[in-house]
């Protein structure tokens, strides 16, 4: 007779352990921009795209496969939602800003070399020549025209060579 109550207690304990274990294994739903494997890993209203939680239709700069995956009016260029390709005027501004930045940083580097009483190494001089040479504008324009509007606008704002990485 004592077996039944003991079995009931054991069953109740196992059930409680199972509920606790199941509850403990579930992580909170991921917010926008957080990593995911599937849609159910994300908070309500978000989907898992490119292993990150985000809205069903991506904003500029966010991952996409087709234009349908982007907010209305955006295109999918090089796997990112964009307002479109960079224009020539945008690229002229971006290239001008980049060349000004490169020249300023090259002059600063040369001043540092002069302060030390030496000359730039051949590698340093080659880099300075490449970044400040006459054909820089042409090379920059051809590369910039392959970028998105958002990337070109970002490049117009750089203040150091290191900031270029922020525009990718």
N, C-alpha and C. Protein backbone atom coordinates (compact mmCIF):
# COMPACT_ATOMS: atom_id res chain seq x y z
N UNK A 1 0.81 -1.20 0.00
CA UNK A 1 0.00 0.00 0.00
C UNK A 1 0.84 1.25 0.00
N UNK A 2 2.01 1.16 0.58
CA UNK A 2 2.87 2.33 0.63
C UNK A 2 3.55 2.60 -0.72
N UNK A 3 3.46 1.66 -1.63
CA UNK A 3 4.10 1.81 -2.92
C UNK A 3 3.44 2.90 -3.74
N UNK A 4 2.15 2.97 -3.74
CA UNK A 4 1.46 3.98 -4.55
C UNK A 4 1.81 5.40 -4.15
N UNK A 5 1.74 5.77 -2.89
CA UNK A 5 2.11 7.14 -2.55
C UNK A 5 3.58 7.42 -2.89
N UNK A 6 4.45 6.46 -2.71
CA UNK A 6 5.86 6.64 -3.03
C UNK A 6 6.04 6.82 -4.54
N UNK A 7 5.33 6.06 -5.34
CA UNK A 7 5.39 6.19 -6.80
C UNK A 7 4.86 7.56 -7.22
N UNK A 8 3.82 8.01 -6.57
CA UNK A 8 3.26 9.32 -6.89
C UNK A 8 4.26 10.43 -6.57
N UNK A 9 4.93 10.31 -5.43
CA UNK A 9 5.93 11.31 -5.05
C UNK A 9 7.09 11.28 -6.04
N UNK A 10 7.53 10.08 -6.43
CA UNK A 10 8.63 9.95 -7.38
C UNK A 10 8.24 10.54 -8.73
N UNK A 11 7.02 10.27 -9.18
CA UNK A 11 6.54 10.81 -10.45
C UNK A 11 6.46 12.33 -10.38
N UNK A 12 5.98 12.86 -9.29
CA UNK A 12 5.89 14.30 -9.11
C UNK A 12 7.29 14.93 -9.11
N UNK A 13 8.23 14.28 -8.43
CA UNK A 13 9.60 14.79 -8.39
C UNK A 13 10.23 14.78 -9.78
N UNK A 14 10.05 13.70 -10.51
CA UNK A 14 10.60 13.61 -11.87
C UNK A 14 9.97 14.66 -12.79
N UNK A 15 8.67 14.86 -12.65
CA UNK A 15 7.99 15.87 -13.45
C UNK A 15 8.53 17.25 -13.13
N UNK A 16 8.72 17.54 -11.86
CA UNK A 16 9.25 18.84 -11.45
C UNK A 16 10.66 19.04 -12.00
N UNK A 17 11.49 17.98 -11.94
CA UNK A 17 12.84 18.07 -12.48
C UNK A 17 12.81 18.31 -13.98
N UNK A 18 11.92 17.63 -14.67
CA UNK A 18 11.80 17.80 -16.11
C UNK A 18 11.39 19.20 -16.48
N UNK A 19 10.44 19.77 -15.75
CA UNK A 19 9.98 21.14 -16.03
C UNK A 19 11.11 22.11 -15.75
N UNK A 20 11.82 21.91 -14.65
CA UNK A 20 12.92 22.80 -14.30
C UNK A 20 14.02 22.71 -15.35
N UNK A 21 14.36 21.49 -15.75
CA UNK A 21 15.42 21.32 -16.74
C UNK A 21 15.03 21.94 -18.08
N UNK A 22 13.78 21.74 -18.47
CA UNK A 22 13.34 22.33 -19.74
C UNK A 22 13.35 23.84 -19.65
N UNK A 23 12.86 24.36 -18.55
CA UNK A 23 12.84 25.81 -18.39
C UNK A 23 14.23 26.39 -18.35
N UNK A 24 15.17 25.70 -17.75
CA UNK A 24 16.53 26.22 -17.62
C UNK A 24 17.27 26.19 -18.95
N UNK A 25 16.89 25.28 -19.84
CA UNK A 25 17.63 25.17 -21.09
C UNK A 25 17.20 26.21 -22.12
N UNK A 26 16.09 26.87 -21.93
CA UNK A 26 15.62 27.85 -22.89
C UNK A 26 16.25 29.21 -22.59
N UNK A 27 16.98 29.73 -23.54
CA UNK A 27 17.57 31.05 -23.39
C UNK A 27 16.52 32.09 -23.75
N UNK A 28 16.66 33.30 -23.23
CA UNK A 28 15.71 34.34 -23.61
C UNK A 28 15.82 34.62 -25.12
N UNK A 29 14.74 35.03 -25.71
CA UNK A 29 14.72 35.30 -27.15
C UNK A 29 15.71 36.41 -27.47
N UNK A 30 16.42 36.24 -28.60
CA UNK A 30 17.45 37.19 -29.02
C UNK A 30 16.81 38.47 -29.56
N UNK A 31 17.44 39.59 -29.24
CA UNK A 31 17.00 40.91 -29.72
C UNK A 31 17.58 41.17 -31.11
N UNK A 32 17.16 42.24 -31.73
CA UNK A 32 17.65 42.60 -33.06
C UNK A 32 19.17 42.74 -33.04
N UNK A 33 19.82 42.12 -34.04
CA UNK A 33 21.26 42.18 -34.16
C UNK A 33 21.99 41.06 -33.43
N UNK A 34 21.27 40.34 -32.57
CA UNK A 34 21.91 39.24 -31.85
C UNK A 34 21.90 37.98 -32.71
N UNK A 35 22.79 37.05 -32.38
CA UNK A 35 22.96 35.82 -33.15
C UNK A 35 21.76 34.87 -32.98
N UNK A 36 21.48 34.12 -34.04
CA UNK A 36 20.38 33.16 -34.02
C UNK A 36 20.69 32.04 -35.01
N UNK A 37 19.93 30.95 -34.86
CA UNK A 37 20.02 29.84 -35.82
C UNK A 37 18.73 29.68 -36.59
N UNK A 38 17.62 30.04 -35.94
CA UNK A 38 16.31 29.93 -36.59
C UNK A 38 15.39 31.02 -36.05
N UNK A 39 14.28 31.24 -36.74
CA UNK A 39 13.36 32.32 -36.38
C UNK A 39 12.90 32.26 -34.93
N UNK A 40 12.67 31.05 -34.40
CA UNK A 40 12.15 30.94 -33.04
C UNK A 40 13.17 31.37 -31.98
N UNK A 41 14.45 31.55 -32.37
CA UNK A 41 15.46 32.05 -31.45
C UNK A 41 15.32 33.55 -31.20
N UNK A 42 14.56 34.23 -32.07
CA UNK A 42 14.44 35.69 -32.03
C UNK A 42 13.19 36.15 -31.30
N UNK A 43 13.23 37.39 -30.83
CA UNK A 43 12.07 37.99 -30.18
C UNK A 43 10.91 38.08 -31.17
N UNK A 44 9.73 38.21 -30.64
CA UNK A 44 8.53 38.31 -31.47
C UNK A 44 8.67 39.46 -32.47
N UNK A 45 8.30 39.21 -33.71
CA UNK A 45 8.35 40.23 -34.75
C UNK A 45 9.67 40.25 -35.51
N UNK A 46 10.65 39.46 -35.05
CA UNK A 46 11.94 39.40 -35.73
C UNK A 46 12.12 38.02 -36.37
N UNK A 47 12.97 37.97 -37.39
CA UNK A 47 13.29 36.71 -38.05
C UNK A 47 14.81 36.54 -38.05
N UNK A 48 15.25 35.32 -38.27
CA UNK A 48 16.67 35.01 -38.30
C UNK A 48 17.16 35.11 -39.75
N UNK A 49 17.99 36.11 -40.04
CA UNK A 49 18.55 36.32 -41.38
C UNK A 49 20.05 36.44 -41.24
N UNK A 50 20.77 35.67 -42.02
CA UNK A 50 22.24 35.72 -41.99
C UNK A 50 22.77 35.55 -40.57
N UNK A 51 22.13 34.65 -39.81
CA UNK A 51 22.52 34.31 -38.43
C UNK A 51 22.37 35.46 -37.44
N UNK A 52 21.52 36.45 -37.79
CA UNK A 52 21.23 37.57 -36.89
C UNK A 52 19.73 37.84 -36.89
N UNK A 53 19.20 38.16 -35.71
CA UNK A 53 17.79 38.51 -35.61
C UNK A 53 17.58 39.91 -36.18
N UNK A 54 16.51 40.05 -36.93
CA UNK A 54 16.20 41.35 -37.51
C UNK A 54 14.77 41.37 -38.02
N UNK A 55 14.32 42.54 -38.49
CA UNK A 55 12.97 42.62 -39.04
C UNK A 55 12.86 41.80 -40.33
N UNK A 56 11.64 41.47 -40.69
CA UNK A 56 11.41 40.68 -41.90
C UNK A 56 12.03 41.38 -43.12
N UNK A 57 11.88 42.69 -43.20
CA UNK A 57 12.46 43.46 -44.30
C UNK A 57 13.57 44.34 -43.75
N UNK A 58 14.76 44.17 -44.29
CA UNK A 58 15.96 44.82 -43.75
C UNK A 58 16.05 46.30 -44.10
N UNK A 59 16.69 47.03 -43.20
CA UNK A 59 16.98 48.46 -43.39
C UNK A 59 18.30 48.61 -44.15
N UNK A 60 18.62 49.84 -44.59
CA UNK A 60 19.88 50.06 -45.33
C UNK A 60 21.09 49.53 -44.56
N UNK A 61 21.96 48.83 -45.29
CA UNK A 61 23.18 48.31 -44.71
C UNK A 61 23.05 46.93 -44.08
N UNK A 62 21.84 46.45 -43.93
CA UNK A 62 21.61 45.14 -43.30
C UNK A 62 21.61 44.06 -44.39
N UNK A 63 21.83 42.79 -44.03
CA UNK A 63 21.93 41.70 -45.00
C UNK A 63 20.64 41.47 -45.80
N UNK A 64 20.81 41.04 -47.05
CA UNK A 64 19.68 40.68 -47.90
C UNK A 64 20.15 39.66 -48.94
N UNK A 65 19.17 38.99 -49.54
CA UNK A 65 19.44 38.09 -50.66
C UNK A 65 18.80 38.65 -51.92
N UNK A 66 17.60 39.20 -51.76
CA UNK A 66 16.89 39.84 -52.87
C UNK A 66 16.30 41.16 -52.38
N UNK A 67 15.84 41.99 -53.29
CA UNK A 67 15.24 43.28 -52.92
C UNK A 67 13.98 43.08 -52.08
N UNK A 68 13.30 41.94 -52.23
CA UNK A 68 12.11 41.67 -51.44
C UNK A 68 12.44 41.55 -49.96
N UNK A 69 13.69 41.27 -49.64
CA UNK A 69 14.11 41.17 -48.26
C UNK A 69 14.45 42.52 -47.64
N UNK A 70 14.35 43.58 -48.44
CA UNK A 70 14.67 44.93 -47.97
C UNK A 70 13.40 45.76 -47.77
N UNK A 71 13.53 46.82 -46.96
CA UNK A 71 12.41 47.74 -46.80
C UNK A 71 12.01 48.29 -48.17
N UNK A 72 10.78 48.75 -48.27
CA UNK A 72 10.26 49.29 -49.52
C UNK A 72 11.18 50.38 -50.06
N UNK A 73 11.44 50.33 -51.37
CA UNK A 73 12.25 51.35 -52.02
C UNK A 73 13.75 51.07 -52.01
N UNK A 74 14.18 50.04 -51.30
CA UNK A 74 15.60 49.72 -51.26
C UNK A 74 15.94 48.60 -52.23
N UNK A 75 17.20 48.53 -52.64
CA UNK A 75 17.70 47.47 -53.51
C UNK A 75 18.63 46.58 -52.71
N UNK A 76 18.84 45.38 -53.19
CA UNK A 76 19.80 44.48 -52.57
C UNK A 76 21.06 44.51 -53.43
N UNK A 77 22.12 45.19 -52.94
CA UNK A 77 23.37 45.32 -53.67
C UNK A 77 24.48 44.68 -52.86
N UNK A 78 25.17 43.74 -53.46
CA UNK A 78 26.28 43.04 -52.80
C UNK A 78 25.88 42.48 -51.44
N UNK A 79 24.65 41.95 -51.36
CA UNK A 79 24.20 41.31 -50.13
C UNK A 79 23.77 42.26 -49.03
N UNK A 80 23.62 43.55 -49.34
CA UNK A 80 23.19 44.55 -48.34
C UNK A 80 22.07 45.40 -48.94
N UNK A 81 21.10 45.75 -48.10
CA UNK A 81 20.03 46.65 -48.55
C UNK A 81 20.61 48.05 -48.73
N UNK A 82 20.21 48.69 -49.82
CA UNK A 82 20.77 50.00 -50.14
C UNK A 82 19.76 50.85 -50.88
N UNK A 83 19.94 52.17 -50.79
CA UNK A 83 19.13 53.10 -51.56
C UNK A 83 19.58 53.10 -53.02
N UNK A 84 20.66 52.39 -53.32
CA UNK A 84 21.12 52.29 -54.70
C UNK A 84 22.62 52.43 -54.79
N UNK A 85 23.13 52.36 -56.03
CA UNK A 85 24.58 52.48 -56.21
C UNK A 85 25.04 53.92 -56.01
N UNK A 86 26.30 54.07 -55.68
CA UNK A 86 26.89 55.40 -55.51
C UNK A 86 26.86 56.15 -56.84
N UNK A 87 26.64 57.44 -56.78
CA UNK A 87 26.63 58.28 -57.98
C UNK A 87 28.00 58.94 -58.17
N UNK A 88 28.24 59.48 -59.36
CA UNK A 88 29.51 60.16 -59.62
C UNK A 88 29.73 61.34 -58.67
N UNK A 89 28.72 62.22 -58.46
CA UNK A 89 28.96 63.33 -57.51
C UNK A 89 29.30 62.83 -56.10
N UNK A 90 28.63 61.78 -55.66
CA UNK A 90 28.93 61.24 -54.33
C UNK A 90 30.37 60.73 -54.29
N UNK A 91 30.77 60.03 -55.34
CA UNK A 91 32.12 59.47 -55.38
C UNK A 91 33.18 60.56 -55.49
N UNK A 92 32.89 61.63 -56.23
CA UNK A 92 33.86 62.74 -56.30
C UNK A 92 34.09 63.30 -54.90
N UNK A 93 33.00 63.48 -54.14
CA UNK A 93 33.14 63.98 -52.77
C UNK A 93 33.88 63.00 -51.87
N UNK A 94 33.57 61.73 -52.01
CA UNK A 94 34.22 60.71 -51.19
C UNK A 94 35.71 60.62 -51.52
N UNK A 95 36.05 60.65 -52.82
CA UNK A 95 37.45 60.54 -53.23
C UNK A 95 38.24 61.79 -52.82
N UNK A 96 37.61 62.94 -52.92
CA UNK A 96 38.27 64.18 -52.49
C UNK A 96 38.57 64.12 -50.99
N UNK A 97 37.59 63.67 -50.21
CA UNK A 97 37.78 63.55 -48.76
C UNK A 97 38.86 62.53 -48.43
N UNK A 98 38.85 61.41 -49.13
CA UNK A 98 39.86 60.38 -48.87
C UNK A 98 41.26 60.90 -49.23
N UNK A 99 41.39 61.56 -50.39
CA UNK A 99 42.71 62.05 -50.79
C UNK A 99 43.19 63.12 -49.82
N UNK A 100 42.32 64.02 -49.39
CA UNK A 100 42.71 65.04 -48.40
C UNK A 100 43.19 64.37 -47.11
N UNK A 101 42.45 63.34 -46.69
CA UNK A 101 42.82 62.62 -45.46
C UNK A 101 44.15 61.91 -45.63
N UNK A 102 44.34 61.22 -46.76
CA UNK A 102 45.59 60.53 -47.02
C UNK A 102 46.76 61.50 -47.05
N UNK A 103 46.58 62.63 -47.75
CA UNK A 103 47.66 63.61 -47.85
C UNK A 103 48.01 64.19 -46.48
N UNK A 104 47.01 64.51 -45.69
CA UNK A 104 47.25 65.05 -44.34
C UNK A 104 48.02 64.04 -43.49
N UNK A 105 47.58 62.77 -43.53
CA UNK A 105 48.25 61.75 -42.73
C UNK A 105 49.65 61.45 -43.28
N UNK A 106 49.82 61.52 -44.59
CA UNK A 106 51.15 61.30 -45.18
C UNK A 106 52.10 62.43 -44.77
N UNK A 107 51.61 63.67 -44.79
CA UNK A 107 52.45 64.80 -44.36
C UNK A 107 52.81 64.68 -42.89
N UNK A 108 51.85 64.27 -42.08
CA UNK A 108 52.13 64.06 -40.65
C UNK A 108 53.21 62.99 -40.48
N UNK A 109 53.14 61.93 -41.26
CA UNK A 109 54.13 60.85 -41.17
C UNK A 109 55.51 61.37 -41.61
N UNK A 110 55.52 62.18 -42.67
CA UNK A 110 56.81 62.73 -43.14
C UNK A 110 57.40 63.68 -42.10
N UNK A 111 56.57 64.48 -41.46
CA UNK A 111 57.06 65.38 -40.40
C UNK A 111 57.68 64.56 -39.28
N UNK A 112 57.04 63.44 -38.94
CA UNK A 112 57.56 62.57 -37.88
C UNK A 112 58.92 62.00 -38.29
N UNK A 113 59.02 61.61 -39.55
CA UNK A 113 60.29 61.07 -40.05
C UNK A 113 61.36 62.17 -39.98
N UNK A 114 61.00 63.42 -40.40
CA UNK A 114 61.94 64.53 -40.37
C UNK A 114 62.38 64.83 -38.94
N UNK A 115 61.46 64.75 -37.99
CA UNK A 115 61.78 65.00 -36.58
C UNK A 115 62.81 63.99 -36.08
N UNK A 116 62.75 62.78 -36.62
CA UNK A 116 63.69 61.73 -36.22
C UNK A 116 65.01 61.84 -37.00
N UNK A 117 65.05 62.75 -37.96
CA UNK A 117 66.28 62.96 -38.72
C UNK A 117 66.49 61.95 -39.84
N UNK A 118 65.49 61.20 -40.20
CA UNK A 118 65.64 60.20 -41.25
C UNK A 118 64.72 60.47 -42.42
N UNK A 119 64.70 59.55 -43.32
CA UNK A 119 63.82 59.62 -44.49
C UNK A 119 62.87 58.43 -44.45
N UNK A 120 61.73 58.54 -45.15
CA UNK A 120 60.82 57.39 -45.17
C UNK A 120 61.50 56.20 -45.84
N UNK A 121 61.10 55.02 -45.40
CA UNK A 121 61.61 53.81 -46.05
C UNK A 121 61.07 53.76 -47.47
N UNK A 122 61.65 52.97 -48.34
CA UNK A 122 61.12 52.86 -49.71
C UNK A 122 59.65 52.42 -49.72
N UNK A 123 59.28 51.52 -48.80
CA UNK A 123 57.89 51.07 -48.72
C UNK A 123 56.97 52.21 -48.30
N UNK A 124 57.39 52.99 -47.31
CA UNK A 124 56.58 54.12 -46.86
C UNK A 124 56.43 55.15 -47.97
N UNK A 125 57.52 55.43 -48.68
CA UNK A 125 57.47 56.40 -49.77
C UNK A 125 56.57 55.91 -50.89
N UNK A 126 56.62 54.62 -51.21
CA UNK A 126 55.76 54.06 -52.26
C UNK A 126 54.29 54.21 -51.88
N UNK A 127 53.98 53.95 -50.61
CA UNK A 127 52.60 54.09 -50.14
C UNK A 127 52.15 55.55 -50.20
N UNK A 128 53.02 56.45 -49.77
CA UNK A 128 52.69 57.88 -49.82
C UNK A 128 52.44 58.31 -51.26
N UNK A 129 53.31 57.88 -52.18
CA UNK A 129 53.15 58.23 -53.59
C UNK A 129 51.84 57.69 -54.15
N UNK A 130 51.51 56.45 -53.78
CA UNK A 130 50.27 55.84 -54.27
C UNK A 130 49.04 56.57 -53.76
N UNK A 131 49.07 56.96 -52.50
CA UNK A 131 47.90 57.60 -51.90
C UNK A 131 47.74 59.06 -52.29
N UNK A 132 48.82 59.67 -52.74
CA UNK A 132 48.75 61.10 -53.06
C UNK A 132 49.01 61.38 -54.53
N UNK A 133 49.26 60.34 -55.33
CA UNK A 133 49.60 60.51 -56.75
C UNK A 133 48.44 61.03 -57.59
N UNK A 134 48.79 61.47 -58.80
CA UNK A 134 47.81 62.05 -59.72
C UNK A 134 46.72 61.07 -60.13
N UNK A 135 47.05 59.78 -60.26
CA UNK A 135 46.05 58.82 -60.71
C UNK A 135 45.18 58.29 -59.57
N UNK A 136 45.39 58.80 -58.37
CA UNK A 136 44.57 58.36 -57.23
C UNK A 136 43.09 58.62 -57.51
N UNK A 137 42.77 59.80 -58.03
CA UNK A 137 41.38 60.17 -58.29
C UNK A 137 40.68 59.20 -59.23
N UNK A 138 41.38 58.81 -60.29
CA UNK A 138 40.79 57.87 -61.25
C UNK A 138 40.56 56.50 -60.62
N UNK A 139 41.56 56.01 -59.90
CA UNK A 139 41.43 54.70 -59.26
C UNK A 139 40.33 54.72 -58.20
N UNK A 140 40.29 55.81 -57.46
CA UNK A 140 39.27 55.94 -56.42
C UNK A 140 37.87 55.95 -57.03
N UNK A 141 37.69 56.74 -58.08
CA UNK A 141 36.37 56.82 -58.73
C UNK A 141 35.92 55.46 -59.25
N UNK A 142 36.80 54.73 -59.90
CA UNK A 142 36.39 53.44 -60.46
C UNK A 142 35.98 52.47 -59.34
N UNK A 143 36.66 52.52 -58.22
CA UNK A 143 36.30 51.64 -57.11
C UNK A 143 35.05 52.15 -56.39
N UNK A 144 34.93 53.45 -56.23
CA UNK A 144 33.79 54.02 -55.51
C UNK A 144 32.47 53.76 -56.24
N UNK A 145 32.49 53.80 -57.55
CA UNK A 145 31.26 53.59 -58.32
C UNK A 145 30.72 52.17 -58.18
N UNK A 146 31.48 51.29 -57.56
CA UNK A 146 31.01 49.94 -57.28
C UNK A 146 30.38 49.84 -55.89
N UNK A 147 30.40 50.93 -55.14
CA UNK A 147 29.87 50.95 -53.77
C UNK A 147 28.41 51.35 -53.75
N UNK A 148 27.80 51.25 -52.57
CA UNK A 148 26.43 51.72 -52.39
C UNK A 148 26.45 53.20 -52.03
N UNK A 149 25.29 53.83 -52.14
CA UNK A 149 25.16 55.23 -51.76
C UNK A 149 25.58 55.44 -50.30
N UNK A 150 25.17 54.51 -49.45
CA UNK A 150 25.48 54.63 -48.03
C UNK A 150 26.98 54.59 -47.78
N UNK A 151 27.67 53.72 -48.49
CA UNK A 151 29.13 53.62 -48.32
C UNK A 151 29.82 54.89 -48.82
N UNK A 152 29.39 55.42 -49.97
CA UNK A 152 30.00 56.64 -50.50
C UNK A 152 29.76 57.82 -49.56
N UNK A 153 28.55 57.92 -49.02
CA UNK A 153 28.26 59.01 -48.07
C UNK A 153 29.10 58.86 -46.81
N UNK A 154 29.31 57.65 -46.37
CA UNK A 154 30.16 57.40 -45.21
C UNK A 154 31.59 57.86 -45.49
N UNK A 155 32.12 57.53 -46.68
CA UNK A 155 33.49 57.91 -47.02
C UNK A 155 33.66 59.43 -47.10
N UNK A 156 32.60 60.14 -47.40
CA UNK A 156 32.67 61.61 -47.43
C UNK A 156 32.91 62.20 -46.05
N UNK A 157 32.67 61.40 -45.01
CA UNK A 157 32.77 61.89 -43.64
C UNK A 157 34.05 61.48 -42.91
N UNK A 158 34.90 60.67 -43.54
CA UNK A 158 36.07 60.16 -42.82
C UNK A 158 37.02 61.29 -42.42
N UNK A 159 37.70 61.10 -41.31
CA UNK A 159 38.69 62.06 -40.82
C UNK A 159 40.06 61.40 -40.63
N UNK A 160 40.11 60.06 -40.79
CA UNK A 160 41.37 59.34 -40.68
C UNK A 160 41.28 58.09 -41.55
N UNK A 161 42.45 57.58 -41.92
CA UNK A 161 42.49 56.38 -42.74
C UNK A 161 41.78 55.22 -42.03
N UNK A 162 41.94 55.15 -40.71
CA UNK A 162 41.35 54.06 -39.95
C UNK A 162 39.81 54.05 -40.05
N UNK A 163 39.20 55.21 -40.26
CA UNK A 163 37.74 55.29 -40.33
C UNK A 163 37.17 54.67 -41.60
N UNK A 164 37.99 54.43 -42.60
CA UNK A 164 37.51 53.84 -43.85
C UNK A 164 36.84 52.49 -43.57
N UNK A 165 37.38 51.73 -42.64
CA UNK A 165 36.81 50.41 -42.30
C UNK A 165 35.37 50.53 -41.84
N UNK A 166 34.99 51.65 -41.25
CA UNK A 166 33.62 51.83 -40.76
C UNK A 166 32.61 51.94 -41.90
N UNK A 167 33.10 52.18 -43.10
CA UNK A 167 32.22 52.40 -44.25
C UNK A 167 31.96 51.13 -45.06
N UNK A 168 32.48 50.00 -44.63
CA UNK A 168 32.31 48.77 -45.40
C UNK A 168 30.99 48.14 -45.13
